[in-house]
Amino acid sequence: MLRAVATWWDGVELWLTQLDFTVQVVLVVAVVGPLCWGAAAVIDTVVERSVADRLEAAERRAQRRAGTTTEA
């Protein structure tokens, strides 16, 4: 299986390197651009949720501390 993927990738790489530079740039931008945008969107969502969860947990801890110190 790995050999088949490597052989396919070698064919794609050979085809790409034989193209004109302008066509290479257009293909790379058309493929890499959306991939990078998607990866950035996923990373942004993960970081946003992680930070929001940590802030909410810290706020709950602070409220519990404030509630126990005022009652005691």
N, C-alpha and C. Protein backbone atom coordinates (compact mmCIF):
# COMPACT_ATOMS: atom_id res chain seq x y z
N MET A 1 0.82 -1.20 0.00
CA MET A 1 0.00 0.00 0.00
C MET A 1 0.87 1.26 0.00
N LEU A 2 1.87 1.29 0.88
CA LEU A 2 2.74 2.46 0.96
C LEU A 2 3.51 2.65 -0.34
N ARG A 3 3.91 1.57 -0.97
CA ARG A 3 4.64 1.66 -2.24
C ARG A 3 3.73 2.27 -3.31
N ALA A 4 2.46 1.91 -3.32
CA ALA A 4 1.53 2.46 -4.31
C ALA A 4 1.37 3.97 -4.11
N VAL A 5 1.27 4.40 -2.86
CA VAL A 5 1.14 5.83 -2.57
C VAL A 5 2.42 6.56 -2.98
N ALA A 6 3.56 5.98 -2.68
CA ALA A 6 4.83 6.60 -3.05
C ALA A 6 4.98 6.70 -4.56
N THR A 7 4.58 5.68 -5.26
CA THR A 7 4.65 5.70 -6.72
C THR A 7 3.71 6.75 -7.30
N TRP A 8 2.50 6.84 -6.75
CA TRP A 8 1.55 7.85 -7.20
C TRP A 8 2.10 9.25 -6.94
N TRP A 9 2.65 9.45 -5.74
CA TRP A 9 3.18 10.77 -5.39
C TRP A 9 4.35 11.14 -6.29
N ASP A 10 5.20 10.17 -6.62
CA ASP A 10 6.31 10.45 -7.54
C ASP A 10 5.79 10.90 -8.90
N GLY A 11 4.71 10.27 -9.37
CA GLY A 11 4.12 10.67 -10.65
C GLY A 11 3.55 12.08 -10.59
N VAL A 12 2.86 12.40 -9.49
CA VAL A 12 2.31 13.76 -9.33
C VAL A 12 3.43 14.78 -9.26
N GLU A 13 4.46 14.46 -8.52
CA GLU A 13 5.60 15.38 -8.37
C GLU A 13 6.29 15.61 -9.71
N LEU A 14 6.49 14.55 -10.47
CA LEU A 14 7.12 14.67 -11.78
C LEU A 14 6.26 15.51 -12.71
N TRP A 15 4.95 15.28 -12.69
CA TRP A 15 4.05 16.06 -13.54
C TRP A 15 4.09 17.54 -13.15
N LEU A 16 4.08 17.80 -11.84
CA LEU A 16 4.07 19.19 -11.37
C LEU A 16 5.37 19.91 -11.72
N THR A 17 6.48 19.24 -11.57
CA THR A 17 7.76 19.91 -11.86
C THR A 17 7.98 20.16 -13.34
N GLN A 18 7.25 19.46 -14.19
CA GLN A 18 7.40 19.67 -15.63
C GLN A 18 6.49 20.78 -16.16
N LEU A 19 5.60 21.27 -15.31
CA LEU A 19 4.71 22.36 -15.73
C LEU A 19 5.45 23.69 -15.72
N ASP A 20 4.88 24.67 -16.42
CA ASP A 20 5.39 26.03 -16.40
C ASP A 20 5.25 26.60 -14.98
N PHE A 21 6.16 27.50 -14.61
CA PHE A 21 6.18 28.04 -13.25
C PHE A 21 4.86 28.72 -12.89
N THR A 22 4.29 29.45 -13.83
CA THR A 22 3.03 30.16 -13.57
C THR A 22 1.92 29.16 -13.24
N VAL A 23 1.86 28.07 -13.98
CA VAL A 23 0.85 27.05 -13.72
C VAL A 23 1.11 26.40 -12.36
N GLN A 24 2.36 26.19 -12.01
CA GLN A 24 2.70 25.62 -10.70
C GLN A 24 2.19 26.52 -9.58
N VAL A 25 2.42 27.81 -9.71
CA VAL A 25 1.99 28.75 -8.68
C VAL A 25 0.47 28.74 -8.55
N VAL A 26 -0.23 28.77 -9.66
CA VAL A 26 -1.70 28.77 -9.63
C VAL A 26 -2.20 27.49 -8.97
N LEU A 27 -1.64 26.34 -9.30
CA LEU A 27 -2.06 25.08 -8.70
C LEU A 27 -1.78 25.05 -7.20
N VAL A 28 -0.61 25.51 -6.81
CA VAL A 28 -0.27 25.50 -5.39
C VAL A 28 -1.19 26.43 -4.62
N VAL A 29 -1.45 27.60 -5.14
CA VAL A 29 -2.35 28.55 -4.46
C VAL A 29 -3.76 27.98 -4.40
N ALA A 30 -4.20 27.32 -5.46
CA ALA A 30 -5.56 26.77 -5.49
C ALA A 30 -5.71 25.60 -4.52
N VAL A 31 -4.63 24.88 -4.24
CA VAL A 31 -4.71 23.73 -3.34
C VAL A 31 -4.29 24.10 -1.93
N VAL A 32 -3.17 24.77 -1.79
CA VAL A 32 -2.62 25.07 -0.47
C VAL A 32 -3.43 26.18 0.22
N GLY A 33 -3.93 27.13 -0.52
CA GLY A 33 -4.71 28.21 0.07
C GLY A 33 -5.91 27.71 0.85
N PRO A 34 -6.80 26.94 0.22
CA PRO A 34 -7.95 26.41 0.97
C PRO A 34 -7.55 25.47 2.11
N LEU A 35 -6.50 24.69 1.92
CA LEU A 35 -6.05 23.81 3.01
C LEU A 35 -5.58 24.62 4.21
N CYS A 36 -4.82 25.67 3.96
CA CYS A 36 -4.35 26.53 5.05
C CYS A 36 -5.52 27.26 5.71
N TRP A 37 -6.48 27.72 4.92
CA TRP A 37 -7.65 28.39 5.48
C TRP A 37 -8.42 27.44 6.38
N GLY A 38 -8.61 26.21 5.92
CA GLY A 38 -9.32 25.22 6.72
C GLY A 38 -8.58 24.89 8.01
N ALA A 39 -7.26 24.72 7.90
CA ALA A 39 -6.46 24.43 9.10
C ALA A 39 -6.53 25.59 10.08
N ALA A 40 -6.47 26.82 9.57
CA ALA A 40 -6.55 28.00 10.44
C ALA A 40 -7.91 28.07 11.13
N ALA A 41 -8.98 27.73 10.42
CA ALA A 41 -10.31 27.75 11.01
C ALA A 41 -10.43 26.71 12.12
N VAL A 42 -9.89 25.52 11.91
CA VAL A 42 -9.93 24.47 12.93
C VAL A 42 -9.11 24.88 14.15
N ILE A 43 -7.91 25.39 13.92
CA ILE A 43 -7.05 25.80 15.03
C ILE A 43 -7.71 26.94 15.81
N ASP A 44 -8.31 27.89 15.10
CA ASP A 44 -8.99 29.01 15.77
C ASP A 44 -10.13 28.51 16.65
N THR A 45 -10.90 27.58 16.15
CA THR A 45 -12.03 27.04 16.92
C THR A 45 -11.54 26.31 18.16
N VAL A 46 -10.50 25.49 18.01
CA VAL A 46 -9.98 24.73 19.14
C VAL A 46 -9.42 25.67 20.21
N VAL A 47 -8.65 26.66 19.79
CA VAL A 47 -8.07 27.60 20.75
C VAL A 47 -9.16 28.41 21.44
N GLU A 48 -10.13 28.87 20.66
CA GLU A 48 -11.21 29.68 21.24
C GLU A 48 -11.99 28.89 22.29
N ARG A 49 -12.32 27.65 21.98
CA ARG A 49 -13.06 26.83 22.96
C ARG A 49 -12.21 26.53 24.18
N SER A 50 -10.93 26.27 23.96
CA SER A 50 -10.04 25.96 25.08
C SER A 50 -9.91 27.15 26.02
N VAL A 51 -9.70 28.32 25.45
CA VAL A 51 -9.55 29.52 26.27
C VAL A 51 -10.87 29.84 26.98
N ALA A 52 -11.98 29.71 26.28
CA ALA A 52 -13.28 29.99 26.89
C ALA A 52 -13.55 29.03 28.06
N ASP A 53 -13.22 27.75 27.88
CA ASP A 53 -13.42 26.78 28.96
C ASP A 53 -12.55 27.11 30.17
N ARG A 54 -11.30 27.49 29.92
CA ARG A 54 -10.41 27.83 31.03
C ARG A 54 -10.88 29.08 31.76
N LEU A 55 -11.34 30.07 31.01
CA LEU A 55 -11.83 31.29 31.64
C LEU A 55 -13.09 31.03 32.46
N GLU A 56 -13.99 30.20 31.93
CA GLU A 56 -15.20 29.87 32.68
C GLU A 56 -14.86 29.11 33.96
N ALA A 57 -13.90 28.19 33.88
CA ALA A 57 -13.50 27.43 35.06
C ALA A 57 -12.87 28.36 36.10
N ALA A 58 -12.05 29.29 35.66
CA ALA A 58 -11.43 30.24 36.59
C ALA A 58 -12.48 31.14 37.22
N GLU A 59 -13.47 31.53 36.45
CA GLU A 59 -14.54 32.38 36.99
C GLU A 59 -15.37 31.62 38.02
N ARG A 60 -15.66 30.35 37.75
CA ARG A 60 -16.41 29.54 38.72
C ARG A 60 -15.62 29.37 40.00
N ARG A 61 -14.30 29.13 39.89
CA ARG A 61 -13.45 29.00 41.09
C ARG A 61 -13.45 30.30 41.87
N ALA A 62 -13.35 31.43 41.18
CA ALA A 62 -13.35 32.73 41.85
C ALA A 62 -14.68 32.99 42.55
N GLN A 63 -15.78 32.61 41.91
CA GLN A 63 -17.09 32.80 42.53
C GLN A 63 -17.25 31.91 43.76
N ARG A 64 -16.72 30.67 43.68
CA ARG A 64 -16.80 29.79 44.83
C ARG A 64 -15.96 30.34 45.99
N ARG A 65 -14.79 30.85 45.66
CA ARG A 65 -13.93 31.42 46.72
C ARG A 65 -14.60 32.65 47.34
N ALA A 66 -15.18 33.48 46.50
CA ALA A 66 -15.85 34.69 47.01
C ALA A 66 -17.06 34.32 47.85
N GLY A 67 -17.75 33.28 47.44
CA GLY A 67 -18.92 32.84 48.19
C GLY A 67 -18.54 32.24 49.52
N THR A 68 -17.46 31.51 49.62
CA THR A 68 -17.06 30.89 50.90
C THR A 68 -16.43 31.92 51.83
N THR A 69 -15.73 32.92 51.29
CA THR A 69 -15.10 33.91 52.17
C THR A 69 -16.13 34.88 52.74
N THR A 70 -17.21 35.18 52.01
CA THR A 70 -18.21 36.11 52.54
C THR A 70 -19.12 35.42 53.54
N GLU A 71 -19.31 34.12 53.41
CA GLU A 71 -20.16 33.39 54.33
C GLU A 71 -19.44 33.03 55.62
N ALA A 72 -18.14 32.87 55.57
CA ALA A 72 -17.39 32.40 56.73
C ALA A 72 -17.11 33.46 57.75
